[in-house]
Protein backbone atom coordinates (compact mmCIF):
# COMPACT_ATOMS: atom_id res chain seq x y z
CA MET A 1 36.51 -2.90 -11.44
CA SER A 2 34.23 -4.87 -13.76
CA THR A 3 30.48 -4.29 -13.64
CA PRO A 4 29.65 -7.77 -12.20
CA ASP A 5 32.24 -7.33 -9.43
CA ALA A 6 30.95 -3.84 -8.65
CA ALA A 7 27.37 -5.10 -8.52
CA LEU A 8 28.36 -7.95 -6.19
CA LEU A 9 30.28 -5.57 -3.89
CA VAL A 10 27.37 -3.15 -3.72
CA GLY A 11 24.92 -5.96 -2.99
CA VAL A 12 27.06 -7.37 -0.17
CA VAL A 13 27.59 -3.96 1.43
CA MET A 14 23.88 -3.14 1.31
CA ILE A 15 22.92 -6.48 2.88
CA VAL A 16 25.50 -6.02 5.64
CA LEU A 17 24.18 -2.53 6.41
CA LEU A 18 20.62 -3.85 6.57
CA LEU A 19 21.63 -6.67 8.91
CA MET A 20 23.40 -4.14 11.11
CA GLY A 21 20.07 -2.39 11.57
CA TYR A 22 20.54 0.73 9.47
CA PRO A 23 17.34 2.24 8.02
CA MET A 24 16.78 1.53 4.34
CA MET A 25 17.82 4.99 3.14
CA VAL A 26 21.41 4.34 4.38
CA PRO A 27 22.06 1.18 2.28
CA LEU A 28 20.47 2.85 -0.76
CA THR A 29 22.64 5.95 -0.51
CA ALA A 30 25.75 3.98 0.39
CA GLY A 31 25.15 1.60 -2.52
CA ALA A 32 24.86 4.46 -5.00
CA LEU A 33 28.01 6.17 -3.69
CA LEU A 34 29.98 2.93 -3.60
CA LEU A 35 28.99 2.05 -7.17
CA MET A 36 30.01 5.53 -8.29
CA ALA A 37 33.40 5.22 -6.58
CA ALA A 38 34.05 1.71 -7.90
CA LYS A 39 32.85 2.19 -11.46
CA PHE A 40 32.58 5.89 -12.27
CA SER A 41 35.13 7.75 -10.17
CA GLY A 42 35.05 10.62 -12.68
CA LEU A 43 31.42 11.44 -11.87
CA ASN A 44 30.75 14.27 -9.48
CA GLU A 45 28.72 13.54 -6.35
CA SER A 46 26.46 16.44 -7.28
CA THR A 47 25.03 14.21 -10.01
CA LEU A 48 23.46 11.97 -7.37
CA ILE A 49 22.21 15.00 -5.47
CA GLN A 50 20.50 16.22 -8.63
CA GLN A 51 18.82 12.82 -9.02
CA MET A 52 17.63 12.96 -5.41
CA ILE A 53 16.19 16.44 -5.85
CA GLY A 54 14.57 15.45 -9.13
CA GLY A 55 12.98 12.46 -7.42
CA VAL A 56 11.10 14.52 -4.84
CA GLU A 57 10.26 17.67 -6.83
CA GLN A 58 7.35 16.05 -8.68
CA THR A 59 4.19 18.06 -7.98
CA VAL A 60 2.02 14.96 -7.55
CA LEU A 61 4.11 13.93 -4.50
CA VAL A 62 2.48 16.78 -2.59
CA ALA A 63 -0.49 14.40 -2.27
CA VAL A 64 1.54 12.04 -0.06
CA PRO A 65 1.84 14.26 3.07
CA MET A 66 -1.74 15.44 2.53
CA PHE A 67 -3.16 11.92 2.67
CA ILE A 68 -0.91 11.06 5.63
CA LEU A 69 -2.15 14.16 7.48
CA ALA A 70 -5.79 13.28 6.77
CA ALA A 71 -5.19 9.76 8.12
CA ASP A 72 -3.51 11.11 11.28
CA VAL A 73 -6.43 13.46 11.95
CA MET A 74 -8.93 10.61 11.56
CA ILE A 75 -6.96 8.29 13.84
CA LYS A 76 -7.15 10.94 16.56
CA GLY A 77 -10.89 11.35 15.98
CA HIS A 78 -13.92 9.07 15.66
CA THR A 79 -14.08 8.43 11.92
CA ALA A 80 -12.73 4.88 12.22
CA ASN A 81 -15.20 3.94 14.98
CA ARG A 82 -18.17 5.31 13.04
CA LEU A 83 -17.21 3.33 9.93
CA LEU A 84 -16.75 0.19 12.02
CA ASP A 85 -20.13 0.60 13.70
CA LEU A 86 -21.84 1.12 10.34
CA VAL A 87 -20.43 -2.06 8.82
CA SER A 88 -21.12 -4.20 11.90
CA LYS A 89 -24.76 -3.12 12.01
CA PHE A 90 -25.33 -4.33 8.43
CA VAL A 91 -23.23 -7.53 8.18
CA GLY A 92 -22.38 -8.43 11.77
CA HIS A 93 -25.28 -10.88 12.08
CA ILE A 94 -24.40 -13.12 9.12
CA ARG A 95 -22.21 -16.22 9.45
CA GLY A 96 -18.67 -14.91 9.74
CA GLY A 97 -20.09 -11.44 10.17
CA LEU A 98 -17.40 -10.20 12.55
CA PRO A 99 -14.39 -11.07 10.36
CA VAL A 100 -16.31 -9.83 7.31
CA THR A 101 -16.94 -6.62 9.26
CA THR A 102 -13.21 -6.44 9.90
CA ALA A 103 -12.34 -6.86 6.22
CA VAL A 104 -14.94 -4.33 5.05
CA SER A 105 -13.99 -1.81 7.75
CA CYS A 106 -10.30 -2.07 6.85
CA THR A 107 -11.21 -1.54 3.20
CA LEU A 108 -13.35 1.50 3.99
CA PHE A 109 -10.72 3.05 6.23
CA GLY A 110 -8.11 2.33 3.58
CA ALA A 111 -10.29 4.22 1.12
CA VAL A 112 -10.23 7.09 3.58
CA SER A 113 -6.58 7.06 4.67
CA GLY A 114 -4.59 5.44 1.85
CA SER A 115 -2.19 3.92 4.39
CA THR A 116 -1.92 0.25 5.30
CA GLN A 117 -0.14 0.93 8.57
CA ALA A 118 -2.67 3.58 9.62
CA THR A 119 -5.43 1.04 8.91
CA VAL A 120 -3.72 -1.62 11.04
CA VAL A 121 -3.55 0.85 13.93
CA ALA A 122 -7.04 2.34 13.57
CA MET A 123 -8.93 -0.92 12.95
CA GLY A 124 -6.72 -3.44 14.69
CA ARG A 125 -7.03 -2.04 18.19
CA PRO A 126 -10.84 -2.23 18.50
CA LEU A 127 -11.41 -5.32 16.30
CA ARG A 128 -8.80 -7.80 17.51
CA PRO A 129 -10.30 -8.16 21.04
CA LYS A 130 -13.78 -8.58 19.54
CA LEU A 131 -12.61 -11.34 17.19
CA ILE A 132 -10.90 -13.23 20.01
CA GLU A 133 -13.93 -12.83 22.27
CA ALA A 134 -16.16 -14.25 19.53
CA GLY A 135 -14.07 -17.45 19.38
CA TYR A 136 -11.54 -16.79 16.61
CA THR A 137 -7.89 -17.56 17.25
CA ASP A 138 -5.52 -14.70 17.82
CA ARG A 139 -3.38 -15.69 14.84
CA PHE A 140 -6.43 -15.58 12.55
CA ALA A 141 -7.49 -12.19 13.93
CA ILE A 142 -4.06 -10.61 13.49
CA ALA A 143 -3.54 -12.10 10.02
CA LEU A 144 -6.97 -10.90 8.88
CA ILE A 145 -6.34 -7.36 10.11
CA ILE A 146 -2.88 -7.19 8.50
CA ASN A 147 -3.99 -8.52 5.11
CA ALA A 148 -7.33 -6.69 4.93
CA SER A 149 -5.46 -3.48 5.73
CA ASP A 150 -3.29 -4.04 2.68
CA ILE A 151 -6.31 -3.48 0.46
CA ALA A 152 -5.60 0.18 1.32
CA LEU A 153 -2.70 0.03 -1.15
CA LEU A 154 -5.18 -0.65 -3.96
CA ILE A 155 -8.25 1.35 -2.99
CA PRO A 156 -7.61 5.07 -3.58
CA PRO A 157 -6.04 7.12 -2.15
CA SER A 158 -2.97 4.90 -2.40
CA ILE A 159 0.52 6.15 -1.68
CA GLY A 160 1.88 3.17 -3.62
CA MET A 161 -0.09 4.26 -6.69
CA ILE A 162 1.28 7.80 -6.39
CA ILE A 163 4.90 6.59 -6.18
CA TYR A 164 4.46 4.22 -9.15
CA GLY A 165 2.79 6.95 -11.18
CA VAL A 166 5.66 9.35 -10.50
CA VAL A 167 8.39 6.84 -11.39
CA SER A 168 6.70 5.39 -14.48
CA GLY A 169 4.99 8.49 -15.79
CA THR A 170 1.58 6.79 -15.59
CA SER A 171 -1.53 8.83 -14.77
CA VAL A 172 -2.07 8.71 -11.00
CA GLY A 173 -5.77 9.41 -11.48
CA ALA A 174 -6.14 6.40 -13.80
CA LEU A 175 -4.19 4.22 -11.35
CA PHE A 176 -6.46 5.33 -8.50
CA ILE A 177 -9.57 4.30 -10.44
CA ALA A 178 -7.97 1.04 -11.64
CA GLY A 179 -7.25 -0.11 -8.08
CA ILE A 180 -10.94 -0.19 -7.12
CA GLY A 181 -11.81 -3.39 -9.04
CA PRO A 182 -8.94 -5.55 -7.71
CA GLY A 183 -9.46 -4.15 -4.20
CA LEU A 184 -13.14 -5.12 -4.16
CA MET A 185 -12.29 -8.54 -5.66
CA ILE A 186 -9.86 -9.26 -2.82
CA LEU A 187 -12.44 -8.08 -0.28
CA VAL A 188 -14.99 -10.57 -1.66
CA LEU A 189 -12.44 -13.42 -1.60
CA PHE A 190 -11.52 -12.58 2.00
CA ALA A 191 -15.22 -12.54 2.95
CA ILE A 192 -15.73 -15.99 1.41
CA TYR A 193 -12.74 -17.34 3.34
CA CYS A 194 -14.01 -15.77 6.58
CA TYR A 195 -17.41 -17.37 6.03
CA GLY A 196 -15.78 -20.77 5.50
CA ILE A 197 -13.64 -20.46 8.64
CA SER A 198 -16.66 -19.45 10.70
CA VAL A 199 -18.70 -22.43 9.50
CA TRP A 200 -15.80 -24.82 10.08
CA LYS A 201 -15.14 -23.46 13.59
CA GLY A 202 -18.86 -23.29 14.44
CA ILE A 203 -18.61 -19.64 15.52
CA PRO A 204 -22.04 -18.34 16.62
CA VAL A 205 -23.51 -15.35 14.82
CA LEU A 206 -23.96 -11.95 16.44
CA PRO A 207 -27.40 -10.51 17.21
CA LYS A 208 -29.04 -8.88 14.22
CA ALA A 209 -29.29 -5.09 14.43
CA SER A 210 -32.72 -3.56 13.96
CA TRP A 211 -33.38 -1.18 11.09
CA PRO A 212 -33.64 1.82 13.45
CA GLU A 213 -30.17 0.92 14.79
CA ARG A 214 -28.84 0.61 11.25
CA LEU A 215 -30.29 3.96 10.26
CA VAL A 216 -28.67 5.58 13.30
CA ALA A 217 -25.30 4.04 12.40
CA LEU A 218 -25.74 5.12 8.78
CA LYS A 219 -26.52 8.67 9.88
CA ARG A 220 -23.50 8.78 12.21
CA ALA A 221 -21.14 7.49 9.49
CA SER A 222 -22.66 9.21 6.47
CA LEU A 223 -20.26 12.13 6.60
CA ALA A 224 -17.26 9.81 7.07
CA THR A 225 -18.14 8.03 3.84
CA GLY A 226 -17.73 11.34 2.08
CA PHE A 227 -13.97 10.78 1.81
CA PRO A 228 -14.19 8.21 -1.02
CA VAL A 229 -16.81 10.39 -2.73
CA ILE A 230 -14.48 13.40 -2.66
CA ILE A 231 -11.38 11.49 -3.74
CA ILE A 232 -12.79 9.00 -6.26
CA GLY A 233 -15.68 11.13 -7.47
CA GLY A 234 -13.55 14.23 -7.81
CA ILE A 235 -10.85 12.48 -9.82
CA TYR A 236 -13.33 10.44 -11.88
CA THR A 237 -15.29 13.53 -12.92
CA GLY A 238 -12.17 15.59 -13.52
CA THR A 239 -13.11 18.07 -10.79
CA PHE A 240 -9.88 17.44 -8.85
CA SER A 241 -6.39 16.31 -9.65
CA PRO A 242 -4.98 13.71 -7.21
CA THR A 243 -3.08 16.48 -5.42
CA GLU A 244 -6.17 18.66 -5.11
CA ALA A 245 -8.19 15.66 -3.89
CA ALA A 246 -5.56 15.08 -1.19
CA SER A 247 -5.84 18.69 -0.03
CA MET A 248 -9.63 18.43 0.05
CA SER A 249 -9.39 15.24 2.14
CA VAL A 250 -7.34 17.12 4.75
CA ALA A 251 -9.82 20.00 4.85
CA TYR A 252 -12.72 17.54 5.13
CA ALA A 253 -11.00 15.54 7.90
CA LEU A 254 -10.35 18.70 9.92
CA PHE A 255 -13.93 19.87 9.39
CA LEU A 256 -15.40 16.56 10.55
CA GLU A 257 -13.16 15.95 13.55
CA MET A 258 -12.83 19.52 14.81
CA VAL A 259 -16.14 21.18 13.91
CA LEU A 260 -18.77 18.42 13.69
CA TYR A 261 -17.50 15.55 15.84
CA ARG A 262 -15.36 17.80 18.08
CA GLN A 263 -12.96 14.97 18.87
CA VAL A 264 -9.79 16.78 17.81
CA ARG A 265 -8.83 19.94 19.67
CA PRO A 266 -6.71 22.75 18.24
CA SER A 267 -4.10 21.98 20.90
CA GLN A 268 -3.62 18.52 19.34
CA LEU A 269 -2.79 19.85 15.87
CA PRO A 270 0.95 20.35 16.56
CA GLU A 271 1.24 16.72 17.70
CA ILE A 272 -0.64 15.52 14.60
CA ALA A 273 1.48 17.71 12.34
CA LEU A 274 4.67 16.35 13.94
CA SER A 275 3.54 12.76 13.33
CA THR A 276 2.74 13.59 9.70
CA GLY A 277 6.05 15.37 9.28
CA MET A 278 8.03 12.42 10.62
CA ILE A 279 6.32 9.90 8.32
CA THR A 280 6.54 12.25 5.33
CA ALA A 281 10.25 12.80 5.93
CA VAL A 282 10.88 9.05 5.91
CA VAL A 283 8.88 8.59 2.71
CA PHE A 284 10.57 11.45 0.87
CA ILE A 285 14.07 10.45 1.97
CA LEU A 286 13.32 6.95 0.69
CA VAL A 287 12.07 8.38 -2.60
CA ALA A 288 15.17 10.57 -2.99
CA ALA A 289 17.62 7.79 -2.10
CA GLY A 290 15.75 5.28 -4.23
CA MET A 291 15.79 7.57 -7.25
CA ALA A 292 19.55 8.10 -6.92
CA PHE A 293 20.23 4.38 -6.53
CA SER A 294 17.93 3.48 -9.42
CA TRP A 295 19.64 6.02 -11.70
CA MET A 296 23.08 4.79 -10.67
CA ILE A 297 22.43 1.11 -11.38
CA SER A 298 20.75 2.02 -14.67
CA PHE A 299 23.74 4.18 -15.64
CA ALA A 300 26.01 1.22 -14.85
CA GLN A 301 23.73 -1.02 -16.98
CA ILE A 302 23.43 -3.53 -14.15
CA PRO A 303 19.77 -4.37 -14.96
CA SER A 304 20.79 -5.28 -18.51
CA LEU A 305 23.59 -7.44 -17.12
CA LEU A 306 21.37 -9.28 -14.65
CA LEU A 307 18.05 -9.44 -16.51
CA GLY A 308 18.88 -8.53 -20.10
CA ASP A 309 18.27 -11.90 -21.77
CA MET A 310 15.34 -12.72 -19.52
CA LEU A 311 13.64 -9.36 -20.14
CA ALA A 312 14.34 -9.50 -23.87
CA GLU A 313 12.65 -12.90 -24.11
CA ALA A 314 9.78 -11.98 -21.78
CA SER A 315 9.03 -8.78 -23.71
CA GLN A 316 8.05 -11.00 -26.67
CA HIS A 317 5.48 -12.82 -24.52
CA PRO A 318 3.25 -10.41 -22.54
CA TYR A 319 1.94 -12.98 -20.07
CA GLN A 320 5.45 -14.18 -19.34
CA LEU A 321 6.54 -10.60 -18.71
CA LEU A 322 3.59 -9.97 -16.38
CA ILE A 323 4.48 -13.09 -14.38
CA LEU A 324 8.12 -11.99 -14.19
CA ILE A 325 7.05 -8.54 -12.98
CA ALA A 326 4.73 -10.05 -10.36
CA VAL A 327 7.42 -12.40 -9.04
CA ALA A 328 10.11 -9.70 -8.94
CA TYR A 329 7.99 -7.16 -7.04
CA PHE A 330 6.49 -9.76 -4.71
CA VAL A 331 9.88 -11.16 -3.69
CA GLY A 332 11.34 -7.67 -3.37
CA CYS A 333 8.53 -6.43 -1.13
CA MET A 334 8.99 -9.44 1.16
CA PHE A 335 12.38 -8.04 2.14
CA VAL A 336 12.31 -4.28 1.51
CA ASP A 337 9.84 -1.42 1.94
CA PRO A 338 7.41 -1.42 -1.04
CA ILE A 339 8.24 2.20 -1.89
CA VAL A 340 11.91 1.28 -2.34
CA VAL A 341 11.06 -1.75 -4.49
CA ILE A 342 8.81 0.35 -6.74
CA LEU A 343 11.52 3.00 -7.07
CA VAL A 344 14.28 0.52 -7.92
CA LEU A 345 12.48 -2.02 -10.13
CA THR A 346 10.14 0.20 -12.15
CA PRO A 347 12.85 1.85 -14.30
CA ILE A 348 14.29 -1.63 -14.95
CA PHE A 349 11.02 -3.05 -16.29
CA SER A 350 9.70 0.09 -18.04
CA PRO A 351 11.47 -0.49 -21.40
CA ALA A 352 10.27 -4.10 -21.56
CA ILE A 353 6.72 -3.03 -20.66
CA ALA A 354 6.71 -0.49 -23.49
CA SER A 355 8.23 -3.00 -25.91
CA ALA A 356 5.59 -5.61 -25.09
CA GLY A 357 2.79 -3.09 -25.56
CA LEU A 358 1.33 -3.68 -22.10
CA ASP A 359 -1.15 -1.22 -20.65
CA PRO A 360 0.83 0.81 -18.05
CA VAL A 361 -2.25 1.21 -15.85
CA HIS A 362 -2.78 -2.57 -15.75
CA VAL A 363 0.90 -3.12 -14.97
CA GLY A 364 0.83 -0.43 -12.27
CA THR A 365 -2.14 -2.07 -10.59
CA LEU A 366 -0.36 -5.44 -10.70
CA VAL A 367 2.78 -3.89 -9.21
CA VAL A 368 0.90 -2.23 -6.35
CA LEU A 369 -0.93 -5.51 -5.65
CA GLN A 370 2.44 -7.20 -5.22
CA ALA A 371 3.47 -4.40 -2.89
CA ALA A 372 0.31 -5.08 -0.87
CA ILE A 373 1.07 -8.80 -0.68
CA GLY A 374 4.71 -8.22 0.22
CA SER A 375 3.72 -5.77 2.98
CA ALA A 376 2.07 -8.62 4.88
CA THR A 377 4.43 -11.47 3.91
CA PRO A 378 7.37 -12.76 6.00
CA PRO A 379 10.17 -12.22 6.59
CA PHE A 380 10.15 -8.41 6.51
CA GLY A 381 6.69 -7.26 5.45
CA CYS A 382 6.29 -3.78 6.97
CA ASP A 383 2.74 -4.37 8.26
CA ILE A 384 3.94 -7.42 10.18
CA PHE A 385 6.21 -5.22 12.27
CA THR A 386 3.42 -2.66 12.71
CA ALA A 387 1.26 -5.47 14.13
CA VAL A 388 4.10 -6.65 16.39
CA ALA A 389 4.36 -3.14 17.83
CA ILE A 390 0.61 -2.43 18.11
CA PHE A 391 -0.54 -5.81 19.44
CA ARG A 392 2.64 -6.52 21.42
CA ARG A 393 2.83 -10.11 20.22
CA PRO A 394 5.92 -12.10 19.20
CA TYR A 395 6.93 -12.03 15.54
CA LEU A 396 6.39 -15.77 15.00
CA GLU A 397 2.91 -15.59 16.50
CA VAL A 398 1.98 -12.68 14.23
CA ILE A 399 2.98 -14.47 11.02
CA ARG A 400 1.43 -17.89 11.84
CA GLY A 401 -1.96 -17.05 10.36
CA THR A 402 -0.79 -15.28 7.21
CA PRO A 403 -0.33 -18.19 4.69
CA PRO A 404 -4.04 -18.61 3.73
CA PHE A 405 -4.40 -14.90 3.09
CA VAL A 406 -1.19 -14.79 1.06
CA LEU A 407 -2.52 -17.65 -1.07
CA ILE A 408 -5.76 -15.72 -1.66
CA LEU A 409 -3.74 -12.67 -2.70
CA LEU A 410 -1.59 -14.76 -5.06
CA PHE A 411 -4.78 -16.19 -6.58
CA SER A 412 -5.95 -12.59 -7.04
CA THR A 413 -2.67 -11.86 -8.83
CA ALA A 414 -3.29 -14.73 -11.24
CA LEU A 415 -6.81 -13.45 -11.95
CA LEU A 416 -5.51 -9.92 -12.55
CA ILE A 417 -2.89 -11.21 -15.00
CA MET A 418 -5.39 -13.33 -16.91
CA PHE A 419 -8.22 -10.78 -16.86
CA PRO A 420 -6.81 -7.23 -17.17
CA GLN A 421 -10.33 -5.77 -17.34
CA ILE A 422 -10.63 -6.33 -13.59
CA ALA A 423 -8.39 -3.26 -13.32
CA LEU A 424 -9.09 -1.55 -16.63
CA PHE A 425 -12.89 -1.59 -16.69
CA LEU A 426 -13.35 1.65 -14.74
CA PRO A 427 -10.44 3.59 -16.31
CA ASP A 428 -11.77 2.62 -19.77
CA LEU A 429 -15.07 4.25 -18.86
CA MET A 430 -13.20 7.50 -18.21
CA ARG A 431 -11.58 7.56 -21.66
């Protein structure tokens, strides 16, 4: 069978399996096996198994379950509520203060948990009723929570950054630091939009908290803000590797919630560990299957067949290549889990990125930003379905308010392409 026919057959089979409701790891594995049978029948299946094992044996991947466990511990405890109270006491009284509080709180919790879906759960439940009560529409409230939570993919610790670093060979520590600038930029743009909506809707402001109330909130949340200090400060100073920072975040979360706050009991640890284990298993199976599929299509030279001329031309024009990368990852993440898209597309673009002389940290930040946008973009953004489950609202109602936020995120993409120093300023300070 010719390579184009094999690629078409694999694509059709994978789409059919997805439409039949199979989880993503099944189409990925089936696609790799089918391509092997159709094109390389002489290859042994153990070759794919070796690729799967190689995909998940990277030491830095140990950080993934650690950050997931820390997030699960904090969701069970009071860290999220303390961060929310702190932000509301300082900005809740300004015009648009409540949605700005939502955006800032999602960003802070993302900097603590590294998970967009954990942020939707932890921040969405208490904030959505407050936004609706204040006079904002439900579609605006849900869209704000979904998109502000996606800043968690940029602000360290970011599971997306870890996966990209593993696949591309880019420093995870540098990627963590590079995500801070774009994450804060998006937060500011969201705050400006929230201010404009509040003025247009005539939403009244909340009562201004007194300084004693602010100091109390700051005292209650001061230890919770230690997570970014441990993770970012430890990596920035070279005290911790990303994996060690992840382990420290777990120890710190357990210390806060079990010893100081006393909101998590020892009897709850098995339930928390089970939740972490389930999510970790899904992530690692996706990584293994994605690595095998990526290796198989590269071995069959399908990327060269589909994108060869386009990539060859784009590699001569860096801005054109960056735009192509942004479009490819954005469209991919609209339909498939961001981890899978990063696993499949990164090896395809890596040679062109090296040929064009692009900074891999800048490209990695751009890629993870597209993963963040795709996570909240119809039709299949993963955070959309998290919101459907958590808020128990119909799919169409959940996505109605997303277009303005997607446009803001696309504008952020354009700024990041034109001004790489938005991402590279902090990593350059480390060199």
